[in-house]
Amino acid sequence: MMRKTKIVATVGPASDSEAGLNDLLATGLDAVRFNMSQQNHAYYTDILKRIRNWNSGNDAVGPAILVDLAGPKIRTVDFAEGWDLTDDDAVLLGCEGAVTPTEGIPLTGEFKFRGVKEGARISADDGRILLDVTASISNELVEAKVRRGGLLKPRKGVNFINIDLDVPSVTAKDAVDFEFALEQNVDWVALSFVRRASDIEPLQRIMAEKQKFVPILAKIEKPEALDELDAIVEMFDGVMVARGDLGVEVPLERLPAIQKQIIRSANMAGKTVVIATQLLSTMQENPYPTRAEVTDVANAVYDGADALLLTGETAIGKFPIETIQQMDRIISEVEIDPNVDPRMAVVMPQRTESDAIAHAAGNIANLLDLRVIVTMTHSGATARAVSKYRPRATIYSLTPFLPVARQLRLTWGVQPIVVQPYSNTDEMLNLAAEKLRALKAVAPGDRFVLSAGIPIGQSGTTNMLKIQAVDQAT
């Protein structure tokens, strides 16, 4: 059985050599992530070219490219000595220019302090350093007392808890990086630190201006986003549970419930949901994960995630290939568990004809124990609609468009295939059977479920459902 939950790996110094990247791609991963806060455009242009060249002449679709925008991430400035913070010391923190590295801790980023609430605190370096705010000096400067000290190094992330910040949803750097992503025809873009549904609007304006479209993931890593979660899910093409910053911004004990809430909201809407950060983090240094990490990965699969994202494990870790292989084994073991129904436990109402057809396709395949569902799609909507209901069968999505096929590499259970254009139902059925037999997904006499939209080529019109015998289609 093909793995249905997708694997995304971040490329970096541990995997960017010629041999390293080839080995990474050969693992069968579904997408490669470009972290725009770490490398420049020239670096990623080279990586993208090598990925596309690696797949040239190959009938497979190849991995999707996910560009992750840096967002308004606030970090300590470059200061070689860092800051040695002792418990109970008083320290100044503020915008670069409001305080010097010898006077306090200057921070990068486009932000202003708007208001400090009771219990305000500052977390740095993923919670290793904690400070309590004692005074708001200006909209560029605060004073704080060190609660948990240590050496605070340059370029480390800083999070503000119970502090209102005036920060843009899309920074100037993000806009430049997004235009780069559009020029390179990448397959997905992730927007960092989304707080509200309207945060997508600057990217929509750029896409309208450039007359290019790419699906956008909202990275959920701020508590404010949870108040608008359903609206964010509706507005964006998918969401990412970015547990690094989110785990700093909310109490850690709340994180599991929040993750389940986000997955459920995305599943209900039929939107892509990706789980990220520290899934197999000990494999940065060790060739095997902890039991807790194995359980964490498995639970994300049980909960209904579309994809799991590796970050430092494959970007800077010592065992990038082994990490992907380990994740593949964990996912595959969960997905063959006979005691688990892969369909969602949440009852999802069918509000449209397309929803009803997609739901019926999965139910028919389950009832008749058919191993294959075929969706014929021009936009990817039919494949995503069927995936929403988590059928046991593998979903083969046939499309004439390579960009659509690559976008579907992040959709649960979907195996995208690029086919020649088709113009009528007979061509569509014959093409489906021909491709399935070539892939050895079916044999003569087998049956499969086919779902499509008529008229052909009109997006969002999934209205056709057929049980097809292979020998009748050839």
Protein backbone atom coordinates (compact mmCIF):
# COMPACT_ATOMS: atom_id res chain seq x y z
CA MET A 1 0.00 0.00 0.00
CA MET A 2 1.30 3.45 -0.88
CA ARG A 3 2.01 5.84 1.97
CA LYS A 4 -0.84 8.34 2.19
CA THR A 5 0.48 10.87 4.71
CA LYS A 6 3.04 13.04 2.95
CA ILE A 7 6.63 13.86 4.00
CA VAL A 8 8.18 17.31 3.56
CA ALA A 9 11.92 17.84 4.15
CA THR A 10 13.82 21.10 4.58
CA VAL A 11 16.95 21.42 2.46
CA GLY A 12 20.07 22.92 4.01
CA PRO A 13 23.80 22.41 4.55
CA ALA A 14 23.27 18.77 5.56
CA SER A 15 21.53 17.91 2.30
CA ASP A 16 22.45 20.48 -0.35
CA SER A 17 25.51 18.83 -1.91
CA GLU A 18 25.07 17.09 -5.24
CA ALA A 19 25.11 13.63 -3.66
CA GLY A 20 23.17 14.76 -0.60
CA LEU A 21 20.31 16.27 -2.59
CA ASN A 22 20.11 13.27 -4.91
CA ASP A 23 19.95 10.94 -1.91
CA LEU A 24 17.27 13.13 -0.34
CA LEU A 25 15.11 13.03 -3.45
CA ALA A 26 15.61 9.29 -3.85
CA THR A 27 13.88 8.65 -0.51
CA GLY A 28 10.52 9.29 -2.17
CA LEU A 29 9.73 12.38 -0.12
CA ASP A 30 6.76 14.43 -1.35
CA ALA A 31 7.99 18.01 -1.01
CA VAL A 32 11.13 20.04 -0.36
CA ARG A 33 10.96 23.13 1.86
CA PHE A 34 12.98 26.29 1.23
CA ASN A 35 13.40 28.27 4.47
CA MET A 36 13.72 31.88 3.33
CA SER A 37 15.04 33.02 6.71
CA GLN A 38 18.21 30.95 6.20
CA GLN A 39 19.47 31.28 2.60
CA ASN A 40 19.38 33.70 -0.35
CA HIS A 41 17.72 33.57 -3.76
CA ALA A 42 20.82 32.36 -5.61
CA TYR A 43 21.12 29.40 -3.26
CA TYR A 44 17.51 28.33 -3.75
CA THR A 45 17.56 28.96 -7.50
CA ASP A 46 20.37 26.44 -7.76
CA ILE A 47 18.59 23.91 -5.53
CA LEU A 48 15.35 24.28 -7.50
CA LYS A 49 17.12 23.76 -10.82
CA ARG A 50 18.81 20.63 -9.53
CA ILE A 51 15.53 19.21 -8.21
CA ARG A 52 13.77 19.80 -11.52
CA ASN A 53 16.71 18.37 -13.48
CA TRP A 54 16.80 15.31 -11.23
CA ASN A 55 13.23 14.56 -12.21
CA SER A 56 13.59 15.33 -15.95
CA GLY A 57 12.87 12.32 -18.11
CA ASN A 58 11.13 10.67 -15.18
CA ASP A 59 7.44 9.83 -15.56
CA ALA A 60 6.91 10.65 -11.89
CA VAL A 61 5.66 14.11 -10.97
CA GLY A 62 8.61 14.92 -8.75
CA PRO A 63 8.50 16.65 -5.37
CA ALA A 64 6.59 19.85 -4.71
CA ILE A 65 8.58 22.95 -3.73
CA LEU A 66 7.35 24.76 -0.61
CA VAL A 67 8.76 28.24 -0.02
CA ASP A 68 8.49 29.25 3.64
CA LEU A 69 8.51 33.04 4.05
CA ALA A 70 10.43 34.35 7.06
CA GLY A 71 7.64 36.59 8.28
CA PRO A 72 8.02 39.29 10.92
CA LYS A 73 10.32 37.11 13.03
CA ILE A 74 12.02 39.17 15.74
CA ARG A 75 15.60 38.15 16.48
CA THR A 76 18.59 39.38 18.43
CA VAL A 77 21.02 41.35 16.27
CA ASP A 78 24.42 40.09 15.14
CA PHE A 79 26.71 40.73 18.11
CA ALA A 80 29.73 38.46 18.37
CA GLU A 81 29.85 38.42 22.17
CA GLY A 82 26.16 37.68 22.71
CA TRP A 83 24.60 38.58 26.06
CA ASP A 84 25.42 36.71 29.27
CA LEU A 85 22.21 37.12 31.31
CA THR A 86 22.15 36.41 35.02
CA ASP A 87 18.96 35.63 36.94
CA ASP A 88 17.28 38.74 38.43
CA ASP A 89 19.37 41.16 36.35
CA ALA A 90 17.58 44.12 34.74
CA VAL A 91 18.00 44.47 30.98
CA LEU A 92 16.75 46.71 28.19
CA LEU A 93 15.27 45.25 24.97
CA GLY A 94 14.15 47.20 21.97
CA CYS A 95 14.20 47.96 18.29
CA GLU A 96 17.54 48.17 16.56
CA GLY A 97 18.63 51.78 16.99
CA ALA A 98 16.75 52.30 20.26
CA VAL A 99 19.44 50.51 22.27
CA THR A 100 23.03 49.48 21.56
CA PRO A 101 24.40 45.96 22.13
CA THR A 102 26.43 47.22 25.07
CA GLU A 103 23.44 48.98 26.68
CA GLY A 104 20.94 46.17 26.22
CA ILE A 105 19.60 43.76 23.60
CA PRO A 106 18.74 45.26 20.19
CA LEU A 107 16.26 43.29 18.08
CA THR A 108 15.77 43.03 14.34
CA GLY A 109 12.40 43.24 12.62
CA GLU A 110 9.70 45.70 11.67
CA PHE A 111 7.80 46.17 14.95
CA LYS A 112 6.68 48.58 17.62
CA PHE A 113 5.38 47.98 21.15
CA ARG A 114 1.70 48.96 21.32
CA GLY A 115 0.84 47.83 24.83
CA VAL A 116 2.07 45.70 27.69
CA LYS A 117 -0.46 43.57 29.58
CA GLU A 118 -0.30 42.04 33.04
CA GLY A 119 2.00 39.02 33.13
CA ALA A 120 3.95 40.17 30.10
CA ARG A 121 7.09 38.18 29.48
CA ILE A 122 9.73 37.69 26.84
CA SER A 123 10.99 34.32 25.66
CA ALA A 124 14.20 33.98 23.67
CA ASP A 125 15.98 31.11 21.94
CA ASP A 126 12.92 28.80 21.97
CA GLY A 127 12.27 29.42 25.67
CA ARG A 128 15.81 28.85 26.93
CA ILE A 129 15.91 32.47 28.12
CA LEU A 130 12.93 33.98 29.98
CA LEU A 131 12.41 37.58 31.08
CA ASP A 132 9.56 39.39 32.87
CA VAL A 133 8.69 42.87 31.59
CA THR A 134 8.92 45.45 34.37
CA ALA A 135 8.39 48.70 32.47
CA SER A 136 7.38 50.02 29.06
CA ILE A 137 9.76 52.87 28.30
CA SER A 138 8.56 53.73 24.77
CA ASN A 139 7.06 52.10 21.70
CA GLU A 140 10.60 50.97 20.87
CA LEU A 141 11.99 49.99 24.26
CA VAL A 142 11.05 47.93 27.34
CA GLU A 143 12.81 47.02 30.56
CA ALA A 144 12.75 43.45 31.84
CA LYS A 145 14.02 41.29 34.70
CA VAL A 146 15.78 38.04 33.90
CA ARG A 147 13.80 35.06 35.16
CA ARG A 148 15.92 32.35 33.56
CA GLY A 149 19.31 33.46 32.33
CA GLY A 150 22.12 32.08 30.24
CA LEU A 151 24.09 33.04 27.16
CA LEU A 152 21.77 34.64 24.61
CA LYS A 153 23.43 34.32 21.23
CA PRO A 154 22.99 36.56 18.17
CA ARG A 155 20.24 35.84 15.60
CA LYS A 156 18.10 33.96 18.13
CA GLY A 157 14.32 34.28 17.97
CA VAL A 158 12.46 36.41 20.51
CA ASN A 159 8.77 36.02 21.42
CA PHE A 160 6.60 38.52 23.32
CA ILE A 161 3.86 37.08 25.53
CA ASN A 162 0.92 39.33 26.53
CA ILE A 163 2.50 42.21 24.64
CA ASP A 164 0.71 43.87 21.72
CA LEU A 165 3.05 44.46 18.82
CA ASP A 166 2.51 46.51 15.71
CA VAL A 167 3.98 44.20 13.06
CA PRO A 168 3.17 43.82 9.36
CA SER A 169 1.62 40.57 8.17
CA VAL A 170 3.96 40.61 5.17
CA THR A 171 7.35 42.29 5.58
CA ALA A 172 9.32 43.99 2.80
CA LYS A 173 11.59 40.92 2.70
CA ASP A 174 8.55 38.63 2.47
CA ALA A 175 7.22 40.57 -0.53
CA VAL A 176 10.54 40.23 -2.36
CA ASP A 177 10.80 36.54 -1.47
CA PHE A 178 7.21 35.94 -2.57
CA GLU A 179 7.85 37.53 -5.96
CA PHE A 180 10.91 35.28 -6.26
CA ALA A 181 8.71 32.25 -5.49
CA LEU A 182 6.24 33.26 -8.19
CA GLU A 183 9.02 33.80 -10.73
CA GLN A 184 10.40 30.34 -9.96
CA ASN A 185 6.95 28.73 -10.34
CA VAL A 186 7.11 27.01 -6.97
CA ASP A 187 4.18 24.88 -5.86
CA TRP A 188 3.30 26.15 -2.36
CA VAL A 189 4.15 29.16 -0.19
CA ALA A 190 3.83 29.33 3.60
CA LEU A 191 3.09 32.67 5.28
CA SER A 192 4.59 32.94 8.76
CA PHE A 193 2.97 34.34 11.91
CA VAL A 194 -0.55 34.61 10.51
CA ARG A 195 -2.85 36.29 13.03
CA ARG A 196 -6.02 36.90 11.03
CA ALA A 197 -7.64 35.84 7.78
CA SER A 198 -6.91 39.19 6.13
CA ASP A 199 -3.14 38.61 6.44
CA ILE A 200 -3.26 36.87 3.05
CA GLU A 201 -4.35 40.05 1.25
CA PRO A 202 -0.88 41.50 0.52
CA LEU A 203 0.08 38.23 -1.17
CA GLN A 204 -3.18 38.20 -3.11
CA ARG A 205 -2.42 41.70 -4.41
CA ILE A 206 1.03 40.61 -5.57
CA MET A 207 -0.44 37.56 -7.32
CA ALA A 208 -3.05 39.73 -9.06
CA GLU A 209 -0.35 42.15 -10.19
CA LYS A 210 1.92 39.37 -11.49
CA GLN A 211 -0.99 37.36 -12.91
CA LYS A 212 0.38 34.24 -11.24
CA PHE A 213 -1.19 32.04 -8.59
CA VAL A 214 0.29 29.76 -5.94
CA PRO A 215 -1.58 28.12 -3.03
CA ILE A 216 -0.78 29.64 0.39
CA LEU A 217 -0.41 27.87 3.74
CA ALA A 218 -1.11 29.88 6.90
CA LYS A 219 1.45 29.09 9.58
CA ILE A 220 -0.34 28.99 12.93
CA GLU A 221 2.22 30.09 15.50
CA LYS A 222 0.51 32.99 17.30
CA PRO A 223 -2.29 32.60 19.87
CA GLU A 224 -4.28 35.36 18.14
CA ALA A 225 -4.69 33.06 15.14
CA LEU A 226 -6.64 30.56 17.24
CA ASP A 227 -9.39 33.16 17.78
CA GLU A 228 -9.87 33.37 13.99
CA LEU A 229 -8.97 29.80 13.13
CA ASP A 230 -12.05 28.90 11.07
CA ALA A 231 -11.86 32.16 9.10
CA ILE A 232 -8.13 31.60 8.44
CA VAL A 233 -8.78 28.03 7.28
CA GLU A 234 -11.51 29.28 4.94
CA MET A 235 -9.38 32.08 3.45
CA PHE A 236 -6.10 30.17 2.98
CA ASP A 237 -5.45 27.03 0.92
CA GLY A 238 -4.12 25.18 3.93
CA VAL A 239 -2.55 25.58 7.37
CA MET A 240 0.65 24.58 9.09
CA VAL A 241 0.84 23.83 12.81
CA ALA A 242 4.20 25.52 13.46
CA ARG A 243 4.87 24.14 16.91
CA GLY A 244 8.18 25.94 17.48
CA ASP A 245 6.94 29.48 18.02
CA LEU A 246 3.42 28.34 18.93
CA GLY A 247 4.88 26.23 21.76
CA VAL A 248 6.56 29.33 23.13
CA GLU A 249 3.53 31.60 22.77
CA VAL A 250 1.06 29.25 24.54
CA PRO A 251 1.49 27.00 27.59
CA LEU A 252 3.16 23.77 26.45
CA GLU A 253 0.49 21.62 28.04
CA ARG A 254 -2.10 23.19 25.71
CA LEU A 255 -0.17 22.36 22.56
CA PRO A 256 -1.55 18.83 21.95
CA ALA A 257 -5.16 19.99 22.17
CA ILE A 258 -4.44 23.00 19.94
CA GLN A 259 -2.80 20.76 17.34
CA LYS A 260 -5.86 18.50 17.27
CA GLN A 261 -8.16 21.54 17.01
CA ILE A 262 -6.26 22.89 14.00
CA ILE A 263 -6.15 19.50 12.26
CA ARG A 264 -9.89 19.00 12.80
CA SER A 265 -10.73 22.47 11.47
CA ALA A 266 -8.65 21.91 8.32
CA ASN A 267 -10.03 18.39 7.80
CA MET A 268 -13.60 19.64 8.08
CA ALA A 269 -12.92 22.25 5.39
CA GLY A 270 -10.99 19.85 3.16
CA LYS A 271 -7.87 22.02 3.40
CA THR A 272 -4.26 20.80 3.56
CA VAL A 273 -2.80 20.63 7.08
CA VAL A 274 0.91 20.21 7.78
CA ILE A 275 2.49 19.45 11.18
CA ALA A 276 5.95 20.93 11.76
CA THR A 277 8.81 21.23 14.24
CA GLN A 278 10.68 18.72 16.43
CA LEU A 279 8.94 15.65 15.05
CA LEU A 280 12.20 13.66 15.08
CA SER A 281 14.55 16.33 16.44
CA THR A 282 16.89 13.97 18.32
CA MET A 283 17.83 12.52 14.93
CA GLN A 284 19.79 15.70 14.28
CA GLU A 285 22.47 14.11 16.44
CA ASN A 286 21.44 10.44 16.72
CA PRO A 287 20.64 7.79 14.10
CA TYR A 288 17.41 6.84 15.90
CA PRO A 289 14.49 8.75 17.47
CA THR A 290 13.08 8.63 20.97
CA ARG A 291 9.99 6.56 21.72
CA ALA A 292 8.13 9.80 22.45
CA GLU A 293 8.98 11.16 18.99
CA VAL A 294 7.79 7.97 17.30
CA THR A 295 4.51 8.30 19.19
CA ASP A 296 4.24 11.99 18.28
CA VAL A 297 4.61 11.24 14.56
CA ALA A 298 2.13 8.36 14.80
CA ASN A 299 -0.45 10.48 16.62
CA ALA A 300 -0.25 13.19 13.92
CA VAL A 301 -1.07 10.50 11.36
CA TYR A 302 -3.93 9.11 13.46
CA ASP A 303 -5.31 12.65 13.90
CA GLY A 304 -5.55 13.21 10.13
CA ALA A 305 -2.58 15.37 9.11
CA ASP A 306 -1.98 15.63 5.36
CA ALA A 307 1.78 16.05 5.70
CA LEU A 308 4.59 16.04 8.26
CA LEU A 309 7.46 18.51 7.96
CA LEU A 310 11.08 17.85 8.93
CA THR A 311 13.13 20.98 9.62
CA GLY A 312 16.56 20.85 11.25
CA GLU A 313 16.63 17.08 10.97
CA THR A 314 17.23 17.27 7.21
CA ALA A 315 18.63 20.81 6.93
CA ILE A 316 21.48 20.66 9.45
CA GLY A 317 21.24 17.20 11.02
CA LYS A 318 23.77 14.38 10.80
CA PHE A 319 21.28 11.80 9.53
CA PRO A 320 18.92 13.46 6.99
CA ILE A 321 18.30 10.33 4.89
CA GLU A 322 17.83 8.04 7.87
CA THR A 323 15.36 10.54 9.35
CA ILE A 324 13.13 10.47 6.26
CA GLN A 325 13.33 6.69 6.12
CA GLN A 326 12.38 6.45 9.79
CA MET A 327 9.41 8.76 9.32
CA ASP A 328 8.30 6.71 6.31
CA ARG A 329 8.37 3.53 8.41
CA ILE A 330 6.36 5.09 11.24
CA ILE A 331 3.71 6.48 8.90
CA SER A 332 3.44 3.25 6.93
CA GLU A 333 3.01 1.19 10.10
CA VAL A 334 0.19 3.42 11.35
CA GLU A 335 -1.58 3.34 7.99
CA ILE A 336 -1.75 -0.46 7.89
CA ASP A 337 -3.16 -0.69 11.42
CA PRO A 338 -6.28 -2.89 10.90
CA ASN A 339 -7.91 -1.56 14.04
CA VAL A 340 -8.06 2.03 12.81
CA ASP A 341 -10.61 3.29 10.33
CA PRO A 342 -8.76 5.84 8.18
CA ARG A 343 -11.93 7.83 7.64
CA MET A 344 -12.37 10.85 9.83
CA ALA A 345 -14.26 10.35 13.09
CA VAL A 346 -15.73 13.82 12.59
CA VAL A 347 -19.00 13.79 10.66
CA MET A 348 -18.61 16.18 7.76
CA PRO A 349 -21.81 17.35 6.09
CA GLN A 350 -22.00 17.33 2.30
CA ARG A 351 -22.97 20.89 1.43
CA THR A 352 -22.49 20.76 -2.34
CA GLU A 353 -22.86 18.31 -5.22
CA SER A 354 -19.06 18.04 -5.42
CA ASP A 355 -18.88 17.14 -1.71
CA ALA A 356 -21.61 14.54 -2.06
CA ILE A 357 -19.92 12.91 -5.09
CA ALA A 358 -16.54 12.87 -3.35
CA HIS A 359 -18.03 11.36 -0.19
CA ALA A 360 -19.86 8.74 -2.24
CA ALA A 361 -16.67 7.81 -4.13
CA GLY A 362 -14.92 6.94 -0.89
CA ASN A 363 -17.91 5.08 0.53
CA ILE A 364 -18.35 2.99 -2.63
CA ALA A 365 -14.68 2.06 -2.67
CA ASN A 366 -14.86 1.09 1.00
CA LEU A 367 -18.09 -0.93 0.60
CA LEU A 368 -16.88 -2.82 -2.49
CA ASP A 369 -13.33 -3.15 -1.16
CA LEU A 370 -11.90 -1.44 -4.24
CA ARG A 371 -8.24 -0.47 -4.01
CA VAL A 372 -8.28 2.46 -6.43
CA ILE A 373 -10.16 5.72 -6.84
CA VAL A 374 -9.38 7.81 -9.91
CA THR A 375 -10.05 11.53 -10.03
CA MET A 376 -9.76 13.39 -13.32
CA THR A 377 -8.98 16.99 -12.49
CA HIS A 378 -7.78 20.24 -14.08
CA SER A 379 -7.49 22.28 -10.88
CA GLY A 380 -6.96 19.61 -8.21
CA ALA A 381 -10.33 20.31 -6.60
CA THR A 382 -11.78 16.85 -7.32
CA ALA A 383 -8.76 15.08 -5.80
CA ARG A 384 -8.84 17.27 -2.68
CA ALA A 385 -12.59 16.70 -2.31
CA VAL A 386 -12.18 12.91 -2.32
CA SER A 387 -9.15 13.09 -0.01
CA LYS A 388 -11.22 15.03 2.53
CA TYR A 389 -13.20 11.87 3.34
CA ARG A 390 -10.09 9.71 3.89
CA PRO A 391 -11.05 6.60 1.86
CA ARG A 392 -9.10 3.36 2.31
CA ALA A 393 -8.39 3.23 -1.45
CA THR A 394 -5.42 5.02 -3.01
CA ILE A 395 -6.51 8.15 -4.91
CA TYR A 396 -4.86 8.42 -8.32
CA SER A 397 -5.33 11.96 -9.59
CA LEU A 398 -4.90 12.35 -13.35
CA THR A 399 -4.35 15.87 -14.64
CA PRO A 400 -2.96 17.40 -17.85
CA PHE A 401 -1.13 20.07 -15.82
CA LEU A 402 2.21 19.46 -14.08
CA PRO A 403 1.85 22.41 -11.63
CA VAL A 404 -1.49 20.99 -10.42
CA ALA A 405 0.08 17.56 -10.02
CA ARG A 406 2.91 18.98 -7.92
CA GLN A 407 0.51 20.92 -5.71
CA LEU A 408 -1.33 17.66 -5.00
CA ARG A 409 1.86 16.11 -3.62
CA LEU A 410 0.82 17.66 -0.27
CA THR A 411 -2.70 16.19 -0.28
CA TRP A 412 -3.37 13.10 1.84
CA GLY A 413 -3.74 9.85 -0.07
CA VAL A 414 -3.33 11.38 -3.54
CA GLN A 415 -0.89 10.02 -6.11
CA PRO A 416 -0.84 12.65 -8.89
CA ILE A 417 -0.13 11.62 -12.49
CA VAL A 418 0.35 13.91 -15.49
CA VAL A 419 -1.56 12.76 -18.57
CA GLN A 420 -2.20 14.02 -22.06
CA PRO A 421 -5.23 16.32 -22.47
CA TYR A 422 -8.59 14.61 -22.88
CA SER A 423 -11.76 16.06 -24.35
CA ASN A 424 -14.57 13.59 -23.68
CA THR A 425 -15.72 10.90 -21.27
CA ASP A 426 -14.57 7.94 -23.39
CA GLU A 427 -11.05 9.36 -23.68
CA MET A 428 -11.04 9.99 -19.95
CA LEU A 429 -12.03 6.39 -19.06
CA ASN A 430 -9.57 4.82 -21.51
CA LEU A 431 -6.76 7.07 -20.31
CA ALA A 432 -7.45 6.21 -16.66
CA ALA A 433 -7.42 2.45 -17.29
CA GLU A 434 -4.29 2.70 -19.44
CA LYS A 435 -2.37 4.61 -16.76
CA LEU A 436 -3.51 2.31 -13.92
CA ARG A 437 -2.45 -0.80 -15.82
CA ALA A 438 0.93 0.75 -16.64
CA LEU A 439 1.43 1.46 -12.94
CA LYS A 440 0.27 -2.09 -12.09
CA ALA A 441 -2.29 -0.53 -9.76
CA VAL A 442 -4.99 -2.71 -11.34
CA ALA A 443 -5.21 -5.82 -13.49
CA PRO A 444 -7.74 -6.82 -16.16
CA GLY A 445 -11.06 -7.61 -14.50
CA ASP A 446 -10.42 -5.27 -11.57
CA ARG A 447 -12.75 -2.38 -10.92
CA PHE A 448 -12.09 1.15 -9.81
CA VAL A 449 -14.14 4.19 -8.89
CA LEU A 450 -13.82 7.23 -11.15
CA SER A 451 -14.85 10.74 -10.17
CA ALA A 452 -14.68 13.77 -12.43
CA GLY A 453 -16.33 17.01 -13.43
CA ILE A 454 -18.40 17.48 -16.55
CA PRO A 455 -18.01 19.65 -18.62
CA ILE A 456 -14.31 18.80 -18.75
CA GLY A 457 -11.97 21.60 -17.77
CA GLN A 458 -14.44 23.57 -15.67
CA SER A 459 -13.11 23.85 -12.12
CA GLY A 460 -15.30 22.97 -9.15
CA THR A 461 -17.84 20.87 -11.07
CA THR A 462 -17.25 17.40 -9.61
CA ASN A 463 -20.53 15.76 -10.66
CA MET A 464 -19.67 12.40 -12.23
CA LEU A 465 -19.20 9.04 -10.48
CA LYS A 466 -18.66 5.69 -12.18
CA ILE A 467 -17.58 2.17 -11.24
CA GLN A 468 -15.39 1.04 -14.11
CA ALA A 469 -14.08 -2.43 -14.96
CA VAL A 470 -10.56 -2.28 -16.36
CA ASP A 471 -11.20 -4.65 -19.27
CA GLN A 472 -14.21 -2.55 -20.32
CA ALA A 473 -12.10 0.60 -20.58
CA THR A 474 -9.46 -0.82 -22.90
